């Protein structure tokens, strides 16, 4: 079931900038104060994965897209995959978690070119190894 919440134009523009410009490393999305639309909360050029994960709040839901760079085994080169992260921590407000879950598709469907999706409720579920495992499966 959809909440009717839609992403702002800025959400789509920042995603395109991340996807094509290779300048941004990640974009973090959230809901506006009135909970009527999805907005960009933060963008960064910082490539460090741990820095990205540390931007996710302990008790609030977020969506994010991270440009994951990894080296193929056997020296076959370096690759990038866009990772869509659904961050819904166990300690988040239940109403907030429901709103994020029902609004996810409105954002996700508009972001063309996502390779991997990670749903995490705890920091232990959003690791380089978990993403790498999914990246190498394809």
C-alpha atoms as a PDB file:
ATOM      1  CA  UNK A   1       0.000   0.000   0.000  1.00  0.00           C
ATOM      2  CA  UNK A   2       1.314   3.417  -0.955  1.00  0.00           C
ATOM      3  CA  UNK A   3       1.261   6.422   1.345  1.00  0.00           C
ATOM      4  CA  UNK A   4       0.824   8.902  -1.506  1.00  0.00           C
ATOM      5  CA  UNK A   5       4.074  10.640  -0.544  1.00  0.00           C
ATOM      6  CA  UNK A   6       6.162  11.567  -3.611  1.00  0.00           C
ATOM      7  CA  UNK A   7       9.821  12.553  -4.033  1.00  0.00           C
ATOM      8  CA  UNK A   8      10.633  16.187  -4.761  1.00  0.00           C
ATOM      9  CA  UNK A   9      12.350  17.137  -8.013  1.00  0.00           C
ATOM     10  CA  UNK A  10      15.552  17.697  -6.020  1.00  0.00           C
ATOM     11  CA  UNK A  11      15.548  13.988  -5.045  1.00  0.00           C
ATOM     12  CA  UNK A  12      15.647  12.982  -8.691  1.00  0.00           C
ATOM     13  CA  UNK A  13      18.196  15.646  -9.637  1.00  0.00           C
ATOM     14  CA  UNK A  14      20.611  14.642  -6.849  1.00  0.00           C
ATOM     15  CA  UNK A  15      20.266  10.988  -7.827  1.00  0.00           C
ATOM     16  CA  UNK A  16      21.113  11.844 -11.454  1.00  0.00           C
ATOM     17  CA  UNK A  17      24.074  13.878 -10.234  1.00  0.00           C
ATOM     18  CA  UNK A  18      25.288  10.885  -8.196  1.00  0.00           C
ATOM     19  CA  UNK A  19      24.689   8.448 -11.043  1.00  0.00           C
ATOM     20  CA  UNK A  20      26.270  10.411 -13.869  1.00  0.00           C
ATOM     21  CA  UNK A  21      28.618  12.931 -12.343  1.00  0.00           C
ATOM     22  CA  UNK A  22      30.661  10.568 -10.195  1.00  0.00           C
ATOM     23  CA  UNK A  23      31.229  13.518  -7.894  1.00  0.00           C
ATOM     24  CA  UNK A  24      28.735  12.606  -5.163  1.00  0.00           C
ATOM     25  CA  UNK A  25      29.231   9.372  -3.230  1.00  0.00           C
ATOM     26  CA  UNK A  26      25.869   9.228  -1.516  1.00  0.00           C
ATOM     27  CA  UNK A  27      22.494  10.880  -1.084  1.00  0.00           C
ATOM     28  CA  UNK A  28      20.364  10.471   2.046  1.00  0.00           C
ATOM     29  CA  UNK A  29      16.607  10.964   1.774  1.00  0.00           C
ATOM     30  CA  UNK A  30      13.904  11.505   4.377  1.00  0.00           C
ATOM     31  CA  UNK A  31      10.436  12.918   4.772  1.00  0.00           C
ATOM     32  CA  UNK A  32       9.632  16.613   4.971  1.00  0.00           C
ATOM     33  CA  UNK A  33       8.385  17.935   8.332  1.00  0.00           C
ATOM     34  CA  UNK A  34       4.765  17.756   7.163  1.00  0.00           C
ATOM     35  CA  UNK A  35       5.347  14.164   5.906  1.00  0.00           C
ATOM     36  CA  UNK A  36       3.873  15.044   2.518  1.00  0.00           C
ATOM     37  CA  UNK A  37       6.965  14.541   0.362  1.00  0.00           C
ATOM     38  CA  UNK A  38      10.362  12.883   0.197  1.00  0.00           C
ATOM     39  CA  UNK A  39      13.311  15.254   0.311  1.00  0.00           C
ATOM     40  CA  UNK A  40      17.109  15.246   0.189  1.00  0.00           C
ATOM     41  CA  UNK A  41      18.557  15.485   3.695  1.00  0.00           C
ATOM     42  CA  UNK A  42      22.255  15.192   2.834  1.00  0.00           C
ATOM     43  CA  UNK A  43      24.629  14.679  -0.063  1.00  0.00           C
ATOM     44  CA  UNK A  44      28.325  13.973   0.225  1.00  0.00           C
ATOM     45  CA  UNK A  45      31.429  13.459  -1.851  1.00  0.00           C
ATOM     46  CA  UNK A  46      33.007  11.439   0.985  1.00  0.00           C
ATOM     47  CA  UNK A  47      33.723   7.945  -0.362  1.00  0.00           C
ATOM     48  CA  UNK A  48      34.389   6.261   3.005  1.00  0.00           C
ATOM     49  CA  UNK A  49      31.671   3.661   3.636  1.00  0.00           C
ATOM     50  CA  UNK A  50      31.859   3.971   7.425  1.00  0.00           C
ATOM     51  CA  UNK A  51      31.318   7.730   7.176  1.00  0.00           C
ATOM     52  CA  UNK A  52      28.176   7.052   5.142  1.00  0.00           C
ATOM     53  CA  UNK A  53      26.837   4.497   7.643  1.00  0.00           C
ATOM     54  CA  UNK A  54      27.526   6.879  10.531  1.00  0.00           C
ATOM     55  CA  UNK A  55      25.216   9.428   8.872  1.00  0.00           C
ATOM     56  CA  UNK A  56      22.252   7.095   9.448  1.00  0.00           C
ATOM     57  CA  UNK A  57      20.455   8.022  12.686  1.00  0.00           C
ATOM     58  CA  UNK A  58      20.023   5.384  15.398  1.00  0.00           C
ATOM     59  CA  UNK A  59      16.301   5.983  15.899  1.00  0.00           C
ATOM     60  CA  UNK A  60      14.995   7.442  12.633  1.00  0.00           C
ATOM     61  CA  UNK A  61      14.232   5.899   9.257  1.00  0.00           C
ATOM     62  CA  UNK A  62      15.987   6.980   6.069  1.00  0.00           C
ATOM     63  CA  UNK A  63      16.483   5.981   2.469  1.00  0.00           C
ATOM     64  CA  UNK A  64      19.850   6.398   0.824  1.00  0.00           C
ATOM     65  CA  UNK A  65      21.732   5.708  -2.375  1.00  0.00           C
ATOM     66  CA  UNK A  66      25.429   4.901  -2.037  1.00  0.00           C
ATOM     67  CA  UNK A  67      27.886   4.563  -4.910  1.00  0.00           C
ATOM     68  CA  UNK A  68      29.661   1.351  -3.862  1.00  0.00           C
ATOM     69  CA  UNK A  69      33.092   0.844  -5.388  1.00  0.00           C
ATOM     70  CA  UNK A  70      34.733  -2.565  -5.182  1.00  0.00           C
ATOM     71  CA  UNK A  71      37.512  -4.617  -6.746  1.00  0.00           C
ATOM     72  CA  UNK A  72      36.579  -7.809  -8.550  1.00  0.00           C
ATOM     73  CA  UNK A  73      38.319 -10.956  -7.315  1.00  0.00           C
ATOM     74  CA  UNK A  74      41.158 -12.185  -9.507  1.00  0.00           C
ATOM     75  CA  UNK A  75      42.302  -8.681 -10.430  1.00  0.00           C
ATOM     76  CA  UNK A  76      39.539  -8.154 -12.994  1.00  0.00           C
ATOM     77  CA  UNK A  77      39.274  -4.477 -12.171  1.00  0.00           C
ATOM     78  CA  UNK A  78      37.267  -2.008 -10.146  1.00  0.00           C
ATOM     79  CA  UNK A  79      33.478  -1.713 -10.467  1.00  0.00           C
ATOM     80  CA  UNK A  80      30.746   0.538  -9.086  1.00  0.00           C
ATOM     81  CA  UNK A  81      27.207  -0.426  -8.147  1.00  0.00           C
ATOM     82  CA  UNK A  82      24.486   1.905  -6.915  1.00  0.00           C
ATOM     83  CA  UNK A  83      23.059   0.624  -3.648  1.00  0.00           C
ATOM     84  CA  UNK A  84      19.589   1.640  -2.451  1.00  0.00           C
ATOM     85  CA  UNK A  85      19.463   1.463   1.343  1.00  0.00           C
ATOM     86  CA  UNK A  86      16.227   1.226   3.290  1.00  0.00           C
ATOM     87  CA  UNK A  87      17.194   2.135   6.859  1.00  0.00           C
ATOM     88  CA  UNK A  88      14.489   1.299   9.391  1.00  0.00           C
ATOM     89  CA  UNK A  89      16.113   0.824  12.810  1.00  0.00           C
ATOM     90  CA  UNK A  90      14.377  -1.333  15.393  1.00  0.00           C
ATOM     91  CA  UNK A  91      14.254   1.632  17.802  1.00  0.00           C
ATOM     92  CA  UNK A  92      12.435   3.930  15.351  1.00  0.00           C
ATOM     93  CA  UNK A  93       8.881   5.053  16.030  1.00  0.00           C
ATOM     94  CA  UNK A  94       6.412   2.431  14.682  1.00  0.00           C
ATOM     95  CA  UNK A  95       4.301   5.033  12.872  1.00  0.00           C
ATOM     96  CA  UNK A  96       7.456   6.422  11.247  1.00  0.00           C
ATOM     97  CA  UNK A  97       8.538   2.922  10.152  1.00  0.00           C
ATOM     98  CA  UNK A  98       5.135   2.297   8.589  1.00  0.00           C
ATOM     99  CA  UNK A  99       5.226   5.629   6.757  1.00  0.00           C
ATOM    100  CA  UNK A 100       8.706   4.905   5.366  1.00  0.00           C
ATOM    101  CA  UNK A 101       7.744   1.374   4.324  1.00  0.00           C
ATOM    102  CA  UNK A 102       4.631   2.550   2.498  1.00  0.00           C
ATOM    103  CA  UNK A 103       6.515   5.422   0.807  1.00  0.00           C
ATOM    104  CA  UNK A 104       9.592   3.464  -0.304  1.00  0.00           C
ATOM    105  CA  UNK A 105       8.280   2.453  -3.730  1.00  0.00           C
ATOM    106  CA  UNK A 106       7.404   6.032  -4.657  1.00  0.00           C
ATOM    107  CA  UNK A 107      11.107   6.877  -4.395  1.00  0.00           C
ATOM    108  CA  UNK A 108      12.620   3.563  -5.483  1.00  0.00           C
ATOM    109  CA  UNK A 109      10.644   3.374  -8.753  1.00  0.00           C
ATOM    110  CA  UNK A 110      11.891   6.822  -9.801  1.00  0.00           C
ATOM    111  CA  UNK A 111      15.573   5.998  -9.285  1.00  0.00           C
ATOM    112  CA  UNK A 112      16.570   4.116 -12.426  1.00  0.00           C
ATOM    113  CA  UNK A 113      19.918   2.359 -12.398  1.00  0.00           C
ATOM    114  CA  UNK A 114      19.929   0.898  -8.883  1.00  0.00           C
ATOM    115  CA  UNK A 115      21.789  -2.425  -8.824  1.00  0.00           C
ATOM    116  CA  UNK A 116      21.484  -3.544  -5.204  1.00  0.00           C
ATOM    117  CA  UNK A 117      18.891  -3.008  -2.479  1.00  0.00           C
ATOM    118  CA  UNK A 118      19.695  -3.427   1.198  1.00  0.00           C
ATOM    119  CA  UNK A 119      17.063  -3.325   3.923  1.00  0.00           C
ATOM    120  CA  UNK A 120      18.607  -2.813   7.336  1.00  0.00           C
ATOM    121  CA  UNK A 121      17.144  -2.550  10.825  1.00  0.00           C
ATOM    122  CA  UNK A 122      20.498  -2.670  12.578  1.00  0.00           C
ATOM    123  CA  UNK A 123      24.006  -1.405  11.783  1.00  0.00           C
ATOM    124  CA  UNK A 124      25.238  -5.031  11.619  1.00  0.00           C
ATOM    125  CA  UNK A 125      23.074  -5.524   8.499  1.00  0.00           C
ATOM    126  CA  UNK A 126      24.646  -2.684   6.541  1.00  0.00           C
ATOM    127  CA  UNK A 127      28.251  -3.714   6.032  1.00  0.00           C
ATOM    128  CA  UNK A 128      30.693  -3.630   3.151  1.00  0.00           C
ATOM    129  CA  UNK A 129      30.740  -7.440   3.168  1.00  0.00           C
ATOM    130  CA  UNK A 130      26.942  -7.721   2.868  1.00  0.00           C
ATOM    131  CA  UNK A 131      26.911  -5.327  -0.094  1.00  0.00           C
ATOM    132  CA  UNK A 132      29.951  -6.931  -1.707  1.00  0.00           C
ATOM    133  CA  UNK A 133      28.295 -10.336  -1.505  1.00  0.00           C
ATOM    134  CA  UNK A 134      25.253  -8.996  -3.370  1.00  0.00           C
ATOM    135  CA  UNK A 135      27.441  -7.113  -5.863  1.00  0.00           C
ATOM    136  CA  UNK A 136      29.429 -10.213  -6.791  1.00  0.00           C
ATOM    137  CA  UNK A 137      26.277 -12.324  -7.274  1.00  0.00           C
ATOM    138  CA  UNK A 138      25.275 -10.414 -10.393  1.00  0.00           C
END
